[in-house]
């Protein structure tokens, strides 16, 4: 008894996501049937919209520098609050970064030297032990001070677990 291959050919021709005459690139993932096609990438002559506000390009003597907290979190591995951030537009060595956590009038601080990076000054390596803090919500402010500039970040809330 001879079977016709016509039903198989019809089934292959109408599978979702299949396009006759095209082969996927070597190593390219094959989407699952029914998966919508990914959006087209931006053409080379278009720029993706910025998501961060522009950094200042000069130090405003009245307002100081822009201090941004990029990391403020409880680290269970070290049982402490870790903090990182940057200062813009200054790029310099010799400044000091200070993190201050406040809860109901109680203040705990830590300091670390600032490090010059390509386009900013980095505040890293700041950590305060949970044993110094105690559980609950804390308000964190990152500060920067050098011979030529100073400033503070906007307050950030951090939760210390019990």
C-alpha atoms as a PDB file:
ATOM      1  CA  UNK A   1       0.000   0.000   0.000  1.00  0.00           C
ATOM      2  CA  UNK A   2       1.441   3.297  -1.068  1.00  0.00           C
ATOM      3  CA  UNK A   3       0.837   6.458   1.015  1.00  0.00           C
ATOM      4  CA  UNK A   4       0.601   9.916  -0.462  1.00  0.00           C
ATOM      5  CA  UNK A   5       3.049  12.560   0.768  1.00  0.00           C
ATOM      6  CA  UNK A   6       0.576  15.317  -0.091  1.00  0.00           C
ATOM      7  CA  UNK A   7      -0.884  15.707   3.473  1.00  0.00           C
ATOM      8  CA  UNK A   8       2.634  16.033   4.891  1.00  0.00           C
ATOM      9  CA  UNK A   9       3.593  18.636   2.278  1.00  0.00           C
ATOM     10  CA  UNK A  10       0.427  20.661   2.999  1.00  0.00           C
ATOM     11  CA  UNK A  11       1.054  20.536   6.773  1.00  0.00           C
ATOM     12  CA  UNK A  12       4.618  21.768   6.374  1.00  0.00           C
ATOM     13  CA  UNK A  13       3.535  24.580   4.095  1.00  0.00           C
ATOM     14  CA  UNK A  14       1.040  26.038   6.577  1.00  0.00           C
ATOM     15  CA  UNK A  15       3.005  25.755   9.837  1.00  0.00           C
ATOM     16  CA  UNK A  16       3.001  29.090  11.672  1.00  0.00           C
ATOM     17  CA  UNK A  17       6.297  30.927  11.642  1.00  0.00           C
ATOM     18  CA  UNK A  18       7.600  29.053   8.609  1.00  0.00           C
ATOM     19  CA  UNK A  19       8.450  30.893   5.454  1.00  0.00           C
ATOM     20  CA  UNK A  20       9.045  28.905   2.325  1.00  0.00           C
ATOM     21  CA  UNK A  21      12.469  29.295   0.797  1.00  0.00           C
ATOM     22  CA  UNK A  22      14.221  30.835   3.825  1.00  0.00           C
ATOM     23  CA  UNK A  23      16.763  29.233   6.078  1.00  0.00           C
ATOM     24  CA  UNK A  24      17.595  30.500   9.571  1.00  0.00           C
ATOM     25  CA  UNK A  25      21.095  31.852  10.094  1.00  0.00           C
ATOM     26  CA  UNK A  26      23.549  29.339  11.508  1.00  0.00           C
ATOM     27  CA  UNK A  27      23.377  29.438  15.306  1.00  0.00           C
ATOM     28  CA  UNK A  28      20.288  31.679  15.328  1.00  0.00           C
ATOM     29  CA  UNK A  29      17.542  30.632  17.752  1.00  0.00           C
ATOM     30  CA  UNK A  30      14.428  29.257  16.124  1.00  0.00           C
ATOM     31  CA  UNK A  31      11.252  30.872  17.515  1.00  0.00           C
ATOM     32  CA  UNK A  32       8.476  28.668  18.814  1.00  0.00           C
ATOM     33  CA  UNK A  33       5.459  28.334  16.519  1.00  0.00           C
ATOM     34  CA  UNK A  34       3.065  31.248  17.005  1.00  0.00           C
ATOM     35  CA  UNK A  35       5.727  33.499  18.553  1.00  0.00           C
ATOM     36  CA  UNK A  36       5.454  37.076  17.246  1.00  0.00           C
ATOM     37  CA  UNK A  37       8.442  38.377  15.332  1.00  0.00           C
ATOM     38  CA  UNK A  38      10.816  40.611  17.323  1.00  0.00           C
ATOM     39  CA  UNK A  39      10.658  44.333  16.583  1.00  0.00           C
ATOM     40  CA  UNK A  40      13.003  45.648  13.947  1.00  0.00           C
ATOM     41  CA  UNK A  41      16.179  47.173  15.412  1.00  0.00           C
ATOM     42  CA  UNK A  42      16.685  50.897  15.007  1.00  0.00           C
ATOM     43  CA  UNK A  43      18.269  51.841  11.706  1.00  0.00           C
ATOM     44  CA  UNK A  44      21.875  53.026  11.979  1.00  0.00           C
ATOM     45  CA  UNK A  45      20.884  56.630  11.365  1.00  0.00           C
ATOM     46  CA  UNK A  46      18.433  56.747  14.328  1.00  0.00           C
ATOM     47  CA  UNK A  47      19.418  57.219  17.961  1.00  0.00           C
ATOM     48  CA  UNK A  48      17.673  55.349  20.750  1.00  0.00           C
ATOM     49  CA  UNK A  49      15.853  57.661  23.171  1.00  0.00           C
ATOM     50  CA  UNK A  50      17.764  58.458  26.358  1.00  0.00           C
ATOM     51  CA  UNK A  51      16.314  57.115  29.593  1.00  0.00           C
ATOM     52  CA  UNK A  52      18.572  58.968  32.040  1.00  0.00           C
ATOM     53  CA  UNK A  53      18.498  62.728  32.437  1.00  0.00           C
ATOM     54  CA  UNK A  54      21.545  64.422  30.949  1.00  0.00           C
ATOM     55  CA  UNK A  55      24.461  64.853  33.331  1.00  0.00           C
ATOM     56  CA  UNK A  56      25.658  68.377  34.004  1.00  0.00           C
ATOM     57  CA  UNK A  57      28.679  69.476  31.998  1.00  0.00           C
ATOM     58  CA  UNK A  58      29.995  72.091  34.422  1.00  0.00           C
ATOM     59  CA  UNK A  59      30.042  72.447  38.185  1.00  0.00           C
ATOM     60  CA  UNK A  60      27.312  74.792  39.399  1.00  0.00           C
ATOM     61  CA  UNK A  61      28.978  76.654  42.281  1.00  0.00           C
ATOM     62  CA  UNK A  62      25.640  77.340  43.980  1.00  0.00           C
ATOM     63  CA  UNK A  63      24.131  73.882  43.569  1.00  0.00           C
ATOM     64  CA  UNK A  64      27.312  71.811  43.844  1.00  0.00           C
ATOM     65  CA  UNK A  65      27.855  68.625  41.904  1.00  0.00           C
ATOM     66  CA  UNK A  66      25.366  65.966  40.873  1.00  0.00           C
ATOM     67  CA  UNK A  67      25.668  62.982  43.260  1.00  0.00           C
ATOM     68  CA  UNK A  68      23.748  59.894  42.112  1.00  0.00           C
ATOM     69  CA  UNK A  69      23.100  56.688  44.068  1.00  0.00           C
ATOM     70  CA  UNK A  70      23.376  53.760  41.655  1.00  0.00           C
ATOM     71  CA  UNK A  71      23.273  50.984  44.273  1.00  0.00           C
ATOM     72  CA  UNK A  72      21.678  50.958  47.714  1.00  0.00           C
ATOM     73  CA  UNK A  73      20.649  47.537  48.933  1.00  0.00           C
ATOM     74  CA  UNK A  74      20.757  45.022  51.727  1.00  0.00           C
ATOM     75  CA  UNK A  75      23.386  42.365  50.940  1.00  0.00           C
ATOM     76  CA  UNK A  76      22.538  39.098  52.707  1.00  0.00           C
ATOM     77  CA  UNK A  77      26.009  37.702  51.947  1.00  0.00           C
ATOM     78  CA  UNK A  78      27.700  40.400  54.049  1.00  0.00           C
ATOM     79  CA  UNK A  79      24.705  41.205  56.290  1.00  0.00           C
ATOM     80  CA  UNK A  80      25.051  44.889  55.532  1.00  0.00           C
ATOM     81  CA  UNK A  81      23.834  47.748  53.383  1.00  0.00           C
ATOM     82  CA  UNK A  82      26.040  48.276  50.322  1.00  0.00           C
ATOM     83  CA  UNK A  83      26.117  51.620  48.545  1.00  0.00           C
ATOM     84  CA  UNK A  84      27.615  52.845  45.304  1.00  0.00           C
ATOM     85  CA  UNK A  85      27.207  55.909  43.157  1.00  0.00           C
ATOM     86  CA  UNK A  86      28.924  58.581  41.127  1.00  0.00           C
ATOM     87  CA  UNK A  87      29.618  62.291  41.061  1.00  0.00           C
ATOM     88  CA  UNK A  88      29.250  64.347  37.894  1.00  0.00           C
ATOM     89  CA  UNK A  89      30.640  66.333  36.116  1.00  0.00           C
ATOM     90  CA  UNK A  90      33.878  66.216  38.127  1.00  0.00           C
ATOM     91  CA  UNK A  91      36.553  63.617  37.377  1.00  0.00           C
ATOM     92  CA  UNK A  92      39.084  63.734  40.205  1.00  0.00           C
ATOM     93  CA  UNK A  93      41.001  61.827  42.840  1.00  0.00           C
ATOM     94  CA  UNK A  94      41.236  62.982  46.443  1.00  0.00           C
ATOM     95  CA  UNK A  95      37.568  63.427  47.257  1.00  0.00           C
ATOM     96  CA  UNK A  96      35.659  61.584  49.971  1.00  0.00           C
ATOM     97  CA  UNK A  97      32.329  59.811  49.621  1.00  0.00           C
ATOM     98  CA  UNK A  98      30.168  59.601  52.738  1.00  0.00           C
ATOM     99  CA  UNK A  99      27.039  57.504  53.092  1.00  0.00           C
ATOM    100  CA  UNK A 100      24.658  58.450  55.855  1.00  0.00           C
ATOM    101  CA  UNK A 101      21.724  56.292  56.958  1.00  0.00           C
ATOM    102  CA  UNK A 102      19.097  57.813  59.239  1.00  0.00           C
ATOM    103  CA  UNK A 103      16.225  56.224  61.145  1.00  0.00           C
ATOM    104  CA  UNK A 104      14.124  58.104  63.730  1.00  0.00           C
ATOM    105  CA  UNK A 105      16.897  60.606  64.454  1.00  0.00           C
ATOM    106  CA  UNK A 106      19.649  57.968  64.691  1.00  0.00           C
ATOM    107  CA  UNK A 107      22.459  58.450  62.140  1.00  0.00           C
ATOM    108  CA  UNK A 108      25.096  55.939  61.033  1.00  0.00           C
ATOM    109  CA  UNK A 109      27.875  56.888  58.577  1.00  0.00           C
ATOM    110  CA  UNK A 110      30.626  55.286  56.504  1.00  0.00           C
ATOM    111  CA  UNK A 111      33.274  56.881  54.286  1.00  0.00           C
ATOM    112  CA  UNK A 112      35.450  55.801  51.375  1.00  0.00           C
ATOM    113  CA  UNK A 113      37.825  57.595  49.027  1.00  0.00           C
ATOM    114  CA  UNK A 114      36.385  58.638  45.672  1.00  0.00           C
ATOM    115  CA  UNK A 115      38.023  57.318  42.501  1.00  0.00           C
ATOM    116  CA  UNK A 116      38.307  59.110  39.163  1.00  0.00           C
ATOM    117  CA  UNK A 117      36.683  57.240  36.279  1.00  0.00           C
ATOM    118  CA  UNK A 118      36.461  58.065  32.571  1.00  0.00           C
ATOM    119  CA  UNK A 119      33.607  60.603  32.809  1.00  0.00           C
ATOM    120  CA  UNK A 120      32.657  60.737  36.503  1.00  0.00           C
ATOM    121  CA  UNK A 121      34.056  60.289  39.989  1.00  0.00           C
ATOM    122  CA  UNK A 122      33.010  56.969  41.506  1.00  0.00           C
ATOM    123  CA  UNK A 123      31.824  56.365  45.065  1.00  0.00           C
ATOM    124  CA  UNK A 124      32.142  52.652  45.739  1.00  0.00           C
ATOM    125  CA  UNK A 125      33.082  50.259  48.493  1.00  0.00           C
ATOM    126  CA  UNK A 126      30.679  51.812  50.976  1.00  0.00           C
ATOM    127  CA  UNK A 127      29.089  49.344  53.377  1.00  0.00           C
ATOM    128  CA  UNK A 128      27.459  49.562  56.796  1.00  0.00           C
ATOM    129  CA  UNK A 129      26.930  46.428  58.850  1.00  0.00           C
ATOM    130  CA  UNK A 130      23.385  45.470  59.730  1.00  0.00           C
ATOM    131  CA  UNK A 131      24.552  45.079  63.339  1.00  0.00           C
ATOM    132  CA  UNK A 132      25.219  48.857  63.415  1.00  0.00           C
ATOM    133  CA  UNK A 133      21.839  49.643  61.912  1.00  0.00           C
ATOM    134  CA  UNK A 134      19.129  47.401  63.259  1.00  0.00           C
ATOM    135  CA  UNK A 135      16.006  46.346  61.351  1.00  0.00           C
ATOM    136  CA  UNK A 136      13.535  48.609  59.624  1.00  0.00           C
ATOM    137  CA  UNK A 137      13.355  51.373  57.050  1.00  0.00           C
ATOM    138  CA  UNK A 138      16.339  53.712  56.768  1.00  0.00           C
ATOM    139  CA  UNK A 139      16.831  56.840  54.673  1.00  0.00           C
ATOM    140  CA  UNK A 140      20.151  56.958  52.844  1.00  0.00           C
ATOM    141  CA  UNK A 141      22.010  60.002  51.469  1.00  0.00           C
ATOM    142  CA  UNK A 142      25.306  59.799  49.580  1.00  0.00           C
ATOM    143  CA  UNK A 143      27.572  62.812  49.915  1.00  0.00           C
ATOM    144  CA  UNK A 144      30.756  63.916  48.170  1.00  0.00           C
ATOM    145  CA  UNK A 145      33.388  66.412  49.279  1.00  0.00           C
ATOM    146  CA  UNK A 146      36.719  67.486  47.774  1.00  0.00           C
ATOM    147  CA  UNK A 147      38.822  70.629  47.655  1.00  0.00           C
ATOM    148  CA  UNK A 148      36.964  71.724  44.507  1.00  0.00           C
ATOM    149  CA  UNK A 149      33.427  70.320  44.766  1.00  0.00           C
ATOM    150  CA  UNK A 150      30.727  69.017  47.083  1.00  0.00           C
ATOM    151  CA  UNK A 151      27.176  67.730  46.890  1.00  0.00           C
ATOM    152  CA  UNK A 152      24.573  65.265  48.133  1.00  0.00           C
ATOM    153  CA  UNK A 153      22.259  62.767  46.485  1.00  0.00           C
ATOM    154  CA  UNK A 154      18.522  62.697  46.754  1.00  0.00           C
ATOM    155  CA  UNK A 155      17.358  60.537  49.695  1.00  0.00           C
ATOM    156  CA  UNK A 156      16.896  56.807  49.008  1.00  0.00           C
ATOM    157  CA  UNK A 157      14.941  54.372  51.205  1.00  0.00           C
ATOM    158  CA  UNK A 158      16.611  51.108  52.246  1.00  0.00           C
ATOM    159  CA  UNK A 159      15.023  48.263  54.199  1.00  0.00           C
ATOM    160  CA  UNK A 160      17.125  46.329  56.711  1.00  0.00           C
ATOM    161  CA  UNK A 161      15.569  42.926  57.498  1.00  0.00           C
ATOM    162  CA  UNK A 162      15.045  41.706  61.042  1.00  0.00           C
END
